[in-house]
N, C-alpha and C. Protein backbone atom coordinates (compact mmCIF):
# COMPACT_ATOMS: atom_id res chain seq x y z
N MET A 1 -39.95 -4.52 48.77
CA MET A 1 -39.16 -3.92 49.72
C MET A 1 -40.13 -2.78 49.54
N THR A 2 -40.59 -2.04 51.27
CA THR A 2 -41.04 -0.77 51.11
C THR A 2 -39.88 0.03 51.93
N ILE A 3 -39.78 1.00 51.62
CA ILE A 3 -38.81 1.93 51.71
C ILE A 3 -40.02 3.45 52.07
N ALA A 4 -39.63 3.72 53.71
CA ALA A 4 -40.53 5.14 53.68
C ALA A 4 -39.38 6.29 54.16
N ILE A 5 -39.63 7.01 53.57
CA ILE A 5 -39.20 8.90 53.09
C ILE A 5 -39.89 9.53 54.77
N LEU A 6 -39.26 10.09 55.23
CA LEU A 6 -39.45 10.99 56.42
C LEU A 6 -39.10 12.43 56.20
N ALA A 7 -39.82 13.17 55.87
CA ALA A 7 -39.51 14.67 56.07
C ALA A 7 -40.68 15.46 57.18
N ALA A 8 -40.17 16.53 57.27
CA ALA A 8 -40.77 17.33 58.49
C ALA A 8 -42.14 17.67 57.57
N SER A 9 -41.76 18.57 56.90
CA SER A 9 -43.25 19.18 56.06
C SER A 9 -43.16 19.43 54.75
N SER A 10 -44.46 19.44 54.60
CA SER A 10 -44.60 19.82 53.10
C SER A 10 -44.02 21.02 52.45
N LEU A 11 -43.18 21.63 52.81
CA LEU A 11 -42.74 22.96 52.61
C LEU A 11 -41.29 22.12 52.11
N GLU A 12 -40.89 20.95 52.98
CA GLU A 12 -39.48 20.31 52.75
C GLU A 12 -39.68 19.33 50.92
N PHE A 13 -41.11 18.85 51.57
CA PHE A 13 -41.12 17.66 50.43
C PHE A 13 -41.84 17.59 49.26
N SER A 14 -42.57 18.86 49.03
CA SER A 14 -43.73 19.00 47.97
C SER A 14 -42.83 18.97 46.39
N THR A 15 -41.82 18.99 46.43
CA THR A 15 -41.28 19.11 45.57
C THR A 15 -41.04 17.31 44.60
N PHE A 16 -40.59 16.61 45.96
CA PHE A 16 -40.38 14.76 45.47
C PHE A 16 -41.55 14.23 45.61
N LYS A 17 -42.93 14.74 46.25
CA LYS A 17 -44.36 14.59 46.58
C LYS A 17 -44.61 14.37 44.59
N GLY A 18 -44.18 15.55 44.01
CA GLY A 18 -44.91 16.32 42.43
C GLY A 18 -43.90 15.11 41.55
N CYS A 19 -42.53 14.63 41.80
CA CYS A 19 -41.72 13.96 41.71
C CYS A 19 -42.83 13.02 41.23
N MET A 20 -43.05 12.12 42.26
CA MET A 20 -43.74 10.59 42.24
C MET A 20 -44.99 10.42 41.66
N GLY A 21 -45.75 11.61 41.66
CA GLY A 21 -46.90 11.03 40.65
C GLY A 21 -47.81 10.97 41.25
N ALA A 22 -49.09 10.00 40.79
CA ALA A 22 -50.23 9.82 41.95
C ALA A 22 -50.00 9.19 42.46
N VAL A 23 -50.63 9.04 43.88
CA VAL A 23 -50.59 9.02 44.94
C VAL A 23 -51.98 8.78 45.87
N GLU A 24 -51.69 7.42 46.82
CA GLU A 24 -52.57 7.67 47.66
C GLU A 24 -52.51 7.62 48.98
N LYS A 25 -53.25 8.54 49.56
CA LYS A 25 -52.80 9.16 50.45
C LYS A 25 -53.77 8.87 51.40
N ASP A 26 -53.39 8.61 53.34
CA ASP A 26 -53.77 8.19 54.40
C ASP A 26 -53.35 8.99 55.58
N THR A 27 -54.17 8.58 56.60
CA THR A 27 -53.96 9.73 57.73
C THR A 27 -53.94 9.17 59.09
N MET A 28 -53.29 9.34 60.07
CA MET A 28 -53.15 8.69 61.21
C MET A 28 -53.43 9.39 62.85
N GLY A 29 -54.85 10.07 62.68
CA GLY A 29 -55.19 11.47 63.61
C GLY A 29 -54.65 12.71 62.53
N ASP A 30 -53.66 13.21 63.26
CA ASP A 30 -53.10 14.40 62.16
C ASP A 30 -51.77 14.32 61.37
N VAL A 31 -51.81 12.89 61.53
CA VAL A 31 -50.73 12.35 60.83
C VAL A 31 -50.74 12.20 59.61
N LYS A 32 -50.03 13.09 58.19
CA LYS A 32 -50.42 12.31 57.01
C LYS A 32 -49.00 11.63 56.60
N TYR A 33 -49.88 10.67 55.92
CA TYR A 33 -48.13 10.15 54.81
C TYR A 33 -49.15 9.28 53.46
N TYR A 34 -48.44 9.25 52.38
CA TYR A 34 -48.09 9.03 51.17
C TYR A 34 -47.62 8.00 50.67
N ILE A 35 -48.57 7.00 49.92
CA ILE A 35 -48.14 5.75 49.18
C ILE A 35 -47.87 5.32 47.53
N TRP A 36 -46.67 5.21 47.16
CA TRP A 36 -46.91 4.75 46.00
C TRP A 36 -46.23 3.37 45.88
N THR A 37 -46.41 3.26 44.60
CA THR A 37 -45.64 1.99 44.00
C THR A 37 -44.62 2.17 42.77
N GLN A 38 -43.28 2.08 42.73
CA GLN A 38 -42.68 1.99 41.96
C GLN A 38 -41.73 1.36 41.71
N ASN A 39 -41.54 0.71 40.46
CA ASN A 39 -40.20 -0.30 39.86
C ASN A 39 -40.92 -1.27 41.18
N GLY A 40 -41.89 -1.60 41.66
CA GLY A 40 -42.15 -3.11 42.16
C GLY A 40 -42.11 -3.08 44.06
N HIS A 41 -41.24 -1.73 44.24
CA HIS A 41 -41.26 -1.51 45.83
C HIS A 41 -42.74 -0.56 46.08
N GLN A 42 -42.51 -0.90 47.29
CA GLN A 42 -43.40 0.55 48.23
C GLN A 42 -42.55 1.67 48.74
N ILE A 43 -43.01 2.59 48.52
CA ILE A 43 -42.75 4.17 48.91
C ILE A 43 -43.56 4.43 49.90
N ILE A 44 -43.40 4.87 50.71
CA ILE A 44 -44.14 5.56 51.79
C ILE A 44 -43.16 6.88 52.09
N LEU A 45 -43.92 8.41 51.79
CA LEU A 45 -43.46 8.98 51.94
C LEU A 45 -44.23 9.69 53.72
N LEU A 46 -43.68 10.21 54.82
CA LEU A 46 -44.29 10.89 55.63
C LEU A 46 -43.84 11.89 56.41
N GLU A 47 -45.23 12.29 56.35
CA GLU A 47 -44.89 13.85 57.06
C GLU A 47 -44.67 13.87 58.48
N THR A 48 -43.49 14.09 59.17
CA THR A 48 -43.30 13.88 60.30
C THR A 48 -43.27 14.57 61.42
N GLY A 49 -43.71 16.29 60.96
CA GLY A 49 -44.13 17.17 61.86
C GLY A 49 -42.72 17.81 62.33
N ILE A 50 -42.74 19.21 63.09
CA ILE A 50 -41.59 19.66 63.48
C ILE A 50 -41.25 19.54 64.52
N GLY A 51 -40.09 19.04 64.84
CA GLY A 51 -39.95 18.50 66.40
C GLY A 51 -39.68 16.84 66.60
N PRO A 52 -39.11 16.73 67.65
CA PRO A 52 -39.16 15.41 68.14
C PRO A 52 -40.14 14.75 68.60
N GLU A 53 -40.75 15.77 69.16
CA GLU A 53 -42.05 14.86 69.93
C GLU A 53 -43.00 14.43 68.36
N LYS A 54 -43.28 15.56 67.57
CA LYS A 54 -44.46 15.03 66.79
C LYS A 54 -43.91 13.84 65.99
N ALA A 55 -42.38 13.77 65.68
CA ALA A 55 -41.54 13.01 64.93
C ALA A 55 -41.81 11.71 65.57
N SER A 56 -41.63 11.57 66.79
CA SER A 56 -41.55 10.37 67.59
C SER A 56 -43.23 9.84 67.25
N VAL A 57 -44.40 10.75 66.98
CA VAL A 57 -45.44 9.84 67.16
C VAL A 57 -46.17 9.61 65.64
N ALA A 58 -45.14 10.29 64.68
CA ALA A 58 -45.27 10.08 63.53
C ALA A 58 -45.05 8.76 63.17
N LEU A 59 -43.87 8.46 64.06
CA LEU A 59 -42.95 7.62 62.65
C LEU A 59 -43.27 5.94 63.94
N SER A 60 -43.58 5.95 64.98
CA SER A 60 -44.39 5.00 66.04
C SER A 60 -45.71 4.79 65.49
N GLY A 61 -46.64 5.37 64.75
CA GLY A 61 -47.61 5.60 64.15
C GLY A 61 -47.55 4.83 62.92
N LEU A 62 -46.50 5.12 62.37
CA LEU A 62 -46.57 3.88 60.90
C LEU A 62 -46.17 2.81 60.80
N LEU A 63 -44.96 2.65 61.97
CA LEU A 63 -44.26 1.55 61.85
C LEU A 63 -45.18 0.43 62.66
N SER A 64 -46.45 1.05 63.39
CA SER A 64 -47.47 -0.02 63.69
C SER A 64 -48.34 -0.12 62.85
N LYS A 65 -48.18 0.36 61.72
CA LYS A 65 -49.59 0.02 60.80
C LYS A 65 -48.38 -0.45 59.72
N HIS A 66 -47.32 -0.57 58.94
CA HIS A 66 -46.96 -0.83 58.00
C HIS A 66 -45.51 -1.67 58.47
N GLN A 67 -45.11 -2.55 57.80
CA GLN A 67 -43.69 -3.02 57.79
C GLN A 67 -42.54 -2.71 56.51
N VAL A 68 -41.87 -2.06 57.48
CA VAL A 68 -40.47 -1.14 56.48
C VAL A 68 -39.72 -1.71 56.45
N ASP A 69 -38.94 -1.57 54.99
CA ASP A 69 -37.60 -2.38 54.99
C ASP A 69 -36.45 -1.42 55.35
N CYS A 70 -36.68 0.18 54.97
CA CYS A 70 -35.39 1.24 55.74
C CYS A 70 -36.25 2.35 55.38
N LEU A 71 -35.83 3.13 56.14
CA LEU A 71 -35.96 4.75 56.48
C LEU A 71 -35.38 5.78 55.82
N VAL A 72 -35.54 6.40 55.52
CA VAL A 72 -34.29 7.70 55.22
C VAL A 72 -35.31 8.75 55.28
N ASN A 73 -34.55 9.86 55.95
CA ASN A 73 -34.76 10.98 56.19
C ASN A 73 -34.20 12.15 55.71
N PHE A 74 -35.07 13.12 55.20
CA PHE A 74 -34.23 14.59 54.51
C PHE A 74 -34.88 15.45 54.72
N GLY A 75 -34.28 16.39 54.31
CA GLY A 75 -34.81 17.95 54.64
C GLY A 75 -34.06 18.82 55.00
N SER A 76 -34.10 20.21 55.40
CA SER A 76 -33.25 21.41 56.08
C SER A 76 -32.20 20.94 57.24
N ALA A 77 -30.82 21.67 57.29
CA ALA A 77 -30.34 21.89 58.63
C ALA A 77 -29.68 23.14 58.50
N GLY A 78 -29.00 23.34 60.18
CA GLY A 78 -28.46 24.66 60.37
C GLY A 78 -27.22 24.06 60.39
N MET A 79 -26.30 25.27 60.03
CA MET A 79 -25.03 25.26 59.65
C MET A 79 -24.52 25.28 60.88
N LEU A 80 -23.46 24.18 61.44
CA LEU A 80 -22.97 24.56 62.94
C LEU A 80 -21.29 24.80 62.72
N ASP A 81 -20.53 23.94 61.46
CA ASP A 81 -19.69 24.13 60.97
C ASP A 81 -19.32 25.36 59.71
N GLN A 82 -18.69 26.19 60.09
CA GLN A 82 -18.46 27.44 59.28
C GLN A 82 -18.15 26.82 58.00
N LYS A 83 -17.33 25.73 57.93
CA LYS A 83 -16.60 25.19 56.79
C LYS A 83 -17.51 24.59 55.49
N LEU A 84 -19.02 24.57 56.06
CA LEU A 84 -19.93 23.89 55.37
C LEU A 84 -20.36 25.49 54.22
N GLU A 85 -21.19 25.35 53.65
CA GLU A 85 -21.73 26.53 52.58
C GLU A 85 -23.30 26.15 53.05
N LEU A 86 -23.66 27.09 52.43
CA LEU A 86 -25.46 27.46 52.21
C LEU A 86 -25.54 26.15 51.32
N LYS A 87 -26.56 25.72 51.48
CA LYS A 87 -27.35 25.11 49.82
C LYS A 87 -26.43 23.90 49.93
N GLN A 88 -25.60 23.32 51.04
CA GLN A 88 -24.62 22.09 50.28
C GLN A 88 -25.84 20.95 51.05
N THR A 89 -25.11 20.04 50.20
CA THR A 89 -25.92 18.51 50.40
C THR A 89 -24.95 17.75 51.68
N PHE A 90 -25.64 17.78 52.90
CA PHE A 90 -25.02 16.99 53.94
C PHE A 90 -25.74 15.69 54.63
N LEU A 91 -24.49 14.58 53.88
CA LEU A 91 -24.91 12.91 54.10
C LEU A 91 -24.69 12.68 55.92
N VAL A 92 -25.84 12.80 56.54
CA VAL A 92 -25.40 12.17 58.38
C VAL A 92 -24.77 11.12 58.18
N ASP A 93 -23.44 10.74 59.26
CA ASP A 93 -22.54 9.55 59.29
C ASP A 93 -23.29 9.14 60.76
N GLU A 94 -23.19 10.39 61.40
CA GLU A 94 -23.87 10.17 63.40
C GLU A 94 -24.31 11.44 63.55
N VAL A 95 -25.50 11.05 64.49
CA VAL A 95 -26.60 12.31 64.73
C VAL A 95 -26.65 11.91 66.33
N ILE A 96 -26.67 13.55 67.11
CA ILE A 96 -26.96 13.14 68.16
C ILE A 96 -27.77 13.80 68.99
N ASP A 97 -28.51 13.86 70.05
CA ASP A 97 -29.71 14.87 70.99
C ASP A 97 -28.73 15.25 71.66
N ALA A 98 -29.02 16.71 71.54
CA ALA A 98 -28.65 18.02 71.68
C ALA A 98 -28.62 17.71 73.40
N HIS A 99 -29.74 17.33 74.02
CA HIS A 99 -29.86 17.24 75.35
C HIS A 99 -29.31 16.30 76.17
N THR A 100 -29.40 15.05 75.86
CA THR A 100 -28.52 14.05 76.92
C THR A 100 -27.06 13.49 75.79
N GLY A 101 -26.70 13.90 75.03
CA GLY A 101 -26.09 13.54 74.42
C GLY A 101 -25.86 11.99 73.38
N ARG A 102 -27.03 11.05 74.14
CA ARG A 102 -26.85 10.02 72.90
C ARG A 102 -26.66 10.11 71.62
N MET A 103 -26.01 8.92 71.17
CA MET A 103 -25.64 8.78 69.86
C MET A 103 -26.02 8.09 69.04
N ARG A 104 -26.55 8.04 67.69
CA ARG A 104 -26.86 7.33 66.75
C ARG A 104 -26.14 6.82 65.08
N THR A 105 -25.49 5.73 65.21
CA THR A 105 -25.21 5.99 63.34
C THR A 105 -26.20 5.92 62.83
N THR A 106 -25.82 6.30 61.73
CA THR A 106 -26.41 6.13 60.59
C THR A 106 -26.12 4.78 59.48
N ASN A 107 -27.26 4.46 58.90
CA ASN A 107 -26.79 2.77 58.06
C ASN A 107 -25.52 2.29 57.18
N PRO A 108 -24.37 2.42 57.12
CA PRO A 108 -23.14 2.06 56.48
C PRO A 108 -24.08 1.94 55.13
N GLN A 109 -24.16 0.94 54.61
CA GLN A 109 -24.69 0.50 53.34
C GLN A 109 -25.31 0.90 52.88
N ILE A 110 -26.19 2.17 53.47
CA ILE A 110 -27.32 3.09 52.74
C ILE A 110 -26.85 4.38 52.02
N ASN A 111 -26.27 4.48 53.24
CA ASN A 111 -24.54 6.03 53.15
C ASN A 111 -23.80 5.69 51.83
N ASP A 112 -23.55 4.67 51.83
CA ASP A 112 -22.50 4.36 50.80
C ASP A 112 -23.16 4.10 49.12
N ALA A 113 -24.47 3.92 48.92
CA ALA A 113 -25.34 4.00 47.88
C ALA A 113 -25.72 5.19 48.03
N LEU A 114 -26.12 6.07 49.09
CA LEU A 114 -26.49 7.80 48.57
C LEU A 114 -25.11 8.11 48.03
N SER A 115 -23.58 8.08 48.70
CA SER A 115 -22.61 8.34 48.58
C SER A 115 -22.05 8.21 46.67
N ARG A 116 -22.45 7.19 46.36
CA ARG A 116 -22.33 6.58 45.22
C ARG A 116 -23.15 7.30 44.35
N PHE A 117 -24.57 7.71 44.52
CA PHE A 117 -25.31 8.44 43.55
C PHE A 117 -25.15 9.54 43.05
N LEU A 118 -24.57 10.16 44.78
CA LEU A 118 -23.83 12.15 44.86
C LEU A 118 -22.53 11.82 43.36
N ALA A 119 -22.09 10.93 43.59
CA ALA A 119 -20.86 11.11 43.26
C ALA A 119 -20.49 10.73 41.62
N GLU A 120 -21.55 10.03 41.14
CA GLU A 120 -21.67 9.69 40.20
C GLU A 120 -22.50 10.16 38.95
N SER A 121 -23.58 11.59 40.01
CA SER A 121 -24.31 12.53 39.74
C SER A 121 -23.46 13.84 39.54
N ALA A 122 -22.52 13.67 39.79
CA ALA A 122 -21.32 14.92 39.86
C ALA A 122 -22.17 15.87 40.94
N LYS A 123 -22.69 15.24 42.40
CA LYS A 123 -23.49 16.71 43.12
C LYS A 123 -22.47 16.48 44.36
N PRO A 124 -21.77 17.55 44.70
CA PRO A 124 -20.99 17.68 45.77
C PRO A 124 -21.73 17.87 47.02
N PHE A 125 -20.94 17.14 47.83
CA PHE A 125 -21.56 16.89 49.07
C PHE A 125 -20.63 16.83 50.52
N ALA A 126 -20.88 16.42 51.72
CA ALA A 126 -20.22 16.92 52.41
C ALA A 126 -20.77 15.72 53.81
N LYS A 127 -19.95 15.59 53.85
CA LYS A 127 -20.62 14.09 55.54
C LYS A 127 -20.06 14.67 57.06
N GLY A 128 -21.04 14.37 57.91
CA GLY A 128 -20.72 14.63 59.26
C GLY A 128 -21.77 14.15 60.33
N ARG A 129 -21.46 14.67 61.46
CA ARG A 129 -22.31 14.79 62.39
C ARG A 129 -23.32 15.40 62.18
N LEU A 130 -24.47 15.27 63.24
CA LEU A 130 -25.68 16.03 62.82
C LEU A 130 -26.43 16.16 64.12
N VAL A 131 -26.16 17.23 65.14
CA VAL A 131 -27.02 17.27 66.37
C VAL A 131 -28.55 17.59 65.95
N THR A 132 -29.24 17.28 66.96
CA THR A 132 -30.89 17.61 66.92
C THR A 132 -31.26 18.02 68.22
N SER A 133 -32.12 19.13 68.08
CA SER A 133 -31.99 20.09 69.07
C SER A 133 -33.59 20.14 69.04
N ALA A 134 -34.33 19.85 70.26
CA ALA A 134 -36.03 20.04 70.66
C ALA A 134 -36.46 21.46 70.03
N GLU A 135 -35.58 22.15 70.06
CA GLU A 135 -36.08 23.67 69.82
C GLU A 135 -35.03 24.36 69.10
N PRO A 136 -35.49 25.26 68.54
CA PRO A 136 -34.90 25.74 67.08
C PRO A 136 -33.52 26.64 67.48
N VAL A 137 -32.38 26.41 67.27
CA VAL A 137 -31.15 26.76 67.44
C VAL A 137 -30.69 28.32 66.47
N CYS A 138 -31.16 29.07 66.86
CA CYS A 138 -30.67 30.31 65.69
C CYS A 138 -29.74 31.59 66.21
N SER A 139 -29.21 31.61 67.15
CA SER A 139 -28.28 32.34 67.69
C SER A 139 -26.85 31.77 67.70
N LYS A 140 -25.99 32.32 66.84
CA LYS A 140 -24.63 32.35 67.07
C LYS A 140 -23.79 31.23 68.24
N PRO A 141 -23.81 32.06 69.69
CA PRO A 141 -23.53 31.46 70.76
C PRO A 141 -23.80 30.11 71.12
N MET A 142 -25.30 29.99 70.63
CA MET A 142 -26.11 28.59 70.93
C MET A 142 -25.71 27.31 69.96
N ARG A 143 -25.10 27.99 68.50
CA ARG A 143 -24.87 27.16 67.94
C ARG A 143 -23.54 26.79 67.92
N THR A 144 -22.34 27.97 68.12
CA THR A 144 -21.16 27.78 68.76
C THR A 144 -20.94 26.49 69.90
N LYS A 145 -21.79 26.30 70.99
CA LYS A 145 -21.49 25.41 71.72
C LYS A 145 -21.91 24.49 71.62
N LEU A 146 -23.24 24.20 70.77
CA LEU A 146 -22.92 22.67 70.34
C LEU A 146 -22.21 22.15 69.53
N ALA A 147 -21.60 23.04 68.33
CA ALA A 147 -20.47 22.60 67.80
C ALA A 147 -18.85 22.43 68.39
N ASP A 148 -19.08 22.48 69.63
CA ASP A 148 -18.02 23.02 70.55
C ASP A 148 -18.28 21.34 71.48
N ARG A 149 -19.31 21.09 71.72
CA ARG A 149 -19.36 20.17 72.67
C ARG A 149 -19.66 18.86 72.11
N TYR A 150 -20.26 18.66 70.86
CA TYR A 150 -20.51 17.48 70.04
C TYR A 150 -19.62 17.30 69.36
N SER A 151 -18.57 18.44 68.42
CA SER A 151 -18.22 18.73 67.58
C SER A 151 -19.45 18.07 66.21
N GLY A 152 -20.10 19.05 65.95
CA GLY A 152 -21.53 18.56 65.59
C GLY A 152 -20.90 19.71 63.98
N GLU A 153 -21.81 18.82 62.89
CA GLU A 153 -21.51 20.28 61.94
C GLU A 153 -22.70 20.63 61.07
N ALA A 154 -23.56 20.07 61.88
CA ALA A 154 -25.33 20.80 61.44
C ALA A 154 -25.50 20.65 62.16
N VAL A 155 -27.22 21.34 62.02
CA VAL A 155 -28.31 20.72 63.91
C VAL A 155 -29.38 20.91 63.12
N ASP A 156 -30.52 20.04 63.30
CA ASP A 156 -32.00 19.39 63.03
C ASP A 156 -33.00 19.57 64.04
N MET A 157 -34.00 19.17 64.26
CA MET A 157 -35.01 18.76 65.07
C MET A 157 -35.82 17.71 65.27
N GLU A 158 -35.47 16.61 64.06
CA GLU A 158 -35.70 15.10 64.36
C GLU A 158 -35.13 14.05 63.47
N ALA A 159 -34.01 14.28 63.29
CA ALA A 159 -33.35 13.17 63.08
C ALA A 159 -33.17 12.59 64.19
N PHE A 160 -32.22 12.59 65.15
CA PHE A 160 -31.85 11.37 66.50
C PHE A 160 -33.21 10.61 66.83
N VAL A 161 -34.73 11.05 67.30
CA VAL A 161 -35.48 10.28 67.53
C VAL A 161 -35.69 9.14 66.33
N LEU A 162 -35.49 9.49 65.34
CA LEU A 162 -36.29 8.99 63.99
C LEU A 162 -35.10 8.28 63.77
N ALA A 163 -33.91 8.65 64.03
CA ALA A 163 -32.87 7.42 64.34
C ALA A 163 -32.84 6.50 65.60
N GLU A 164 -33.12 6.86 66.56
CA GLU A 164 -33.09 5.66 67.48
C GLU A 164 -34.52 5.09 67.77
N ILE A 165 -35.78 4.92 66.94
CA ILE A 165 -37.10 4.63 66.72
C ILE A 165 -36.29 3.49 65.79
N ALA A 166 -35.92 3.83 64.52
CA ALA A 166 -35.19 2.58 63.60
C ALA A 166 -34.29 2.27 64.29
N GLN A 167 -33.57 2.16 65.03
CA GLN A 167 -32.51 1.60 65.54
C GLN A 167 -33.51 0.24 67.03
N GLN A 168 -33.91 0.92 67.40
CA GLN A 168 -34.96 -0.16 68.05
C GLN A 168 -35.89 -0.91 67.75
N SER A 169 -36.07 -0.52 66.36
CA SER A 169 -37.22 -1.30 65.61
C SER A 169 -36.24 -2.01 64.28
N LYS A 170 -34.90 -2.14 64.78
CA LYS A 170 -34.16 -2.97 63.68
C LYS A 170 -34.06 -2.88 62.36
N ILE A 171 -34.59 -1.31 61.86
CA ILE A 171 -34.79 -0.93 60.53
C ILE A 171 -33.44 -0.32 60.42
N PRO A 172 -32.95 -0.49 59.22
CA PRO A 172 -31.26 0.64 58.44
C PRO A 172 -32.44 2.06 58.44
N PHE A 173 -31.43 2.92 59.01
CA PHE A 173 -31.74 4.42 58.98
C PHE A 173 -30.83 4.95 58.46
N ALA A 174 -31.15 6.41 57.01
CA ALA A 174 -29.81 7.22 56.93
C ALA A 174 -30.45 8.29 56.60
N SER A 175 -29.86 9.51 56.91
CA SER A 175 -30.24 10.97 56.75
C SER A 175 -29.18 11.97 55.88
N ILE A 176 -30.09 12.23 54.94
CA ILE A 176 -29.36 13.64 53.87
C ILE A 176 -30.44 14.56 54.09
N LYS A 177 -29.16 15.56 54.64
CA LYS A 177 -30.04 16.82 54.40
C LYS A 177 -29.11 18.18 53.50
N MET A 178 -29.46 19.05 53.80
CA MET A 178 -29.03 20.19 52.54
C MET A 178 -29.16 21.76 54.00
N ILE A 179 -27.76 22.58 53.63
CA ILE A 179 -27.76 23.33 54.75
C ILE A 179 -28.67 25.08 54.03
N SER A 180 -29.43 25.18 55.38
CA SER A 180 -30.56 26.27 54.78
C SER A 180 -30.20 27.72 55.17
N ASP A 181 -29.30 27.66 56.32
CA ASP A 181 -29.46 28.56 56.68
C ASP A 181 -27.67 28.07 58.06
N ARG A 182 -27.27 30.15 57.81
CA ARG A 182 -26.16 30.28 59.28
C ARG A 182 -26.57 31.29 59.79
N ALA A 183 -25.72 30.70 61.54
CA ALA A 183 -26.54 31.89 62.76
C ALA A 183 -25.72 33.49 62.27
N ASN A 184 -26.87 33.82 61.98
CA ASN A 184 -26.82 35.30 62.50
C ASN A 184 -27.90 36.58 62.65
N THR A 185 -28.14 37.66 62.59
CA THR A 185 -29.37 38.37 62.81
C THR A 185 -30.22 38.04 61.82
N ASN A 186 -30.33 37.21 61.24
CA ASN A 186 -31.10 36.93 59.92
C ASN A 186 -31.57 35.35 59.75
N THR A 187 -31.07 34.74 60.65
CA THR A 187 -31.04 33.35 60.05
C THR A 187 -32.73 32.69 60.31
N ARG A 188 -33.67 33.33 60.93
CA ARG A 188 -35.07 33.05 60.59
C ARG A 188 -35.19 33.40 58.96
N LEU A 189 -34.66 34.57 58.76
CA LEU A 189 -35.14 34.74 57.41
C LEU A 189 -34.62 34.11 56.21
N GLN A 190 -32.94 34.00 56.26
CA GLN A 190 -32.43 32.78 55.58
C GLN A 190 -32.76 31.85 55.52
N TYR A 191 -33.30 31.25 56.31
CA TYR A 191 -34.04 30.02 56.77
C TYR A 191 -35.16 29.41 55.54
N PHE A 192 -36.07 30.66 55.80
CA PHE A 192 -37.11 30.59 54.89
C PHE A 192 -37.13 31.22 53.17
N ILE A 193 -35.67 32.22 53.07
CA ILE A 193 -35.88 32.11 51.95
C ILE A 193 -35.16 31.23 51.10
N ASN A 194 -34.38 30.36 51.92
CA ASN A 194 -33.66 29.00 50.99
C ASN A 194 -34.54 28.20 51.22
N LEU A 195 -35.58 27.87 52.23
CA LEU A 195 -36.53 26.94 52.25
C LEU A 195 -36.92 26.10 50.37
N PRO A 196 -37.69 27.14 50.23
CA PRO A 196 -37.85 26.88 48.53
C PRO A 196 -36.88 25.70 47.47
N TYR A 197 -35.73 26.30 47.84
CA TYR A 197 -34.45 25.78 47.25
C TYR A 197 -33.85 24.54 47.24
N VAL A 198 -34.28 23.93 49.01
CA VAL A 198 -33.73 22.82 49.82
C VAL A 198 -34.82 21.91 49.23
N ASN A 199 -36.19 22.66 49.06
CA ASN A 199 -37.15 21.74 48.84
C ASN A 199 -37.01 20.95 47.34
N ARG A 200 -36.82 21.87 46.58
CA ARG A 200 -36.79 21.74 44.78
C ARG A 200 -36.02 20.46 44.40
N LYS A 201 -34.14 21.01 45.34
CA LYS A 201 -33.42 19.91 44.93
C LYS A 201 -33.08 18.78 45.88
N LEU A 202 -32.99 19.08 46.93
CA LEU A 202 -33.35 17.84 48.09
C LEU A 202 -34.76 16.76 47.37
N GLY A 203 -35.99 17.08 47.07
CA GLY A 203 -36.90 16.25 46.37
C GLY A 203 -36.34 15.85 45.20
N LYS A 204 -35.67 16.19 44.13
CA LYS A 204 -35.12 15.79 43.04
C LYS A 204 -34.25 15.13 43.22
N LEU A 205 -33.61 15.10 44.29
CA LEU A 205 -32.38 14.57 44.76
C LEU A 205 -32.73 12.88 45.26
N MET A 206 -33.61 13.09 46.49
CA MET A 206 -34.55 11.88 46.49
C MET A 206 -34.62 10.79 45.32
N TYR A 207 -35.64 11.85 44.40
CA TYR A 207 -36.46 10.98 43.65
C TYR A 207 -35.21 10.29 42.97
N GLY A 208 -34.21 10.74 42.72
CA GLY A 208 -33.49 10.16 41.68
C GLY A 208 -32.58 9.26 42.24
N PHE A 209 -32.39 9.84 43.58
CA PHE A 209 -31.75 8.63 44.31
C PHE A 209 -32.78 6.82 44.36
N LEU A 210 -33.87 6.90 44.61
CA LEU A 210 -35.19 6.10 44.11
C LEU A 210 -34.79 5.35 43.04
N GLU A 211 -34.68 6.04 41.90
CA GLU A 211 -34.68 5.66 40.51
C GLU A 211 -33.45 4.71 40.63
N TYR A 212 -32.04 5.55 41.11
CA TYR A 212 -30.93 4.66 40.93
C TYR A 212 -30.69 3.35 41.78
N LEU A 213 -31.36 3.59 42.66
CA LEU A 213 -31.43 1.91 43.33
C LEU A 213 -31.87 0.91 42.47
N HIS A 214 -33.00 1.79 41.61
CA HIS A 214 -33.64 0.48 40.60
C HIS A 214 -32.68 -0.12 39.53
N ALA A 215 -32.52 1.17 39.11
CA ALA A 215 -31.10 0.72 38.13
C ALA A 215 -29.83 -0.24 38.40
N THR A 216 -29.63 0.05 39.67
CA THR A 216 -28.10 -0.61 40.08
C THR A 216 -28.76 -1.45 40.72
């Protein structure tokens, strides 16, 4: 089995990469990805780049070179629903394109496995709907608009296009995020302050999930 892990940049995935150990690195133009063999499975970590355009190019390129059995996206997300908490793990059930309103669902079997892993590890998490925007959404009015229009709970910049390509390619897809910031006058600063925490916690979580899959 080949599992592809998708993350926007090394600021989000360096801990995961470090946990995985010795690695084979490859490139497709400006796109970087890393390959390991773990417990008889091939694990690919793809650096998608930030935003839907780069993510689309990166994932399409990877799938043209490698046969992949499932895709898991992880990274930071901004808070839309004030019931969420900063640094909270967020498991995505549905992802919506902020521009078109189109929706894609994540794979229920992978989500169930992630939910069991989080519960058995005593890691609190929320589940819900993610909105993907092509541009950063930092202001409170813009986030309120997205929350109201789409009943969204969090916002990112890549997940929808990844989910859409996965669906077109008939590959199971899941996405797990961590809430890095809420909308206020210091949204960008809060994001960069919390990003190292997201990197550490989600990286270890993703590594732990792969170990959990092998054990079960």
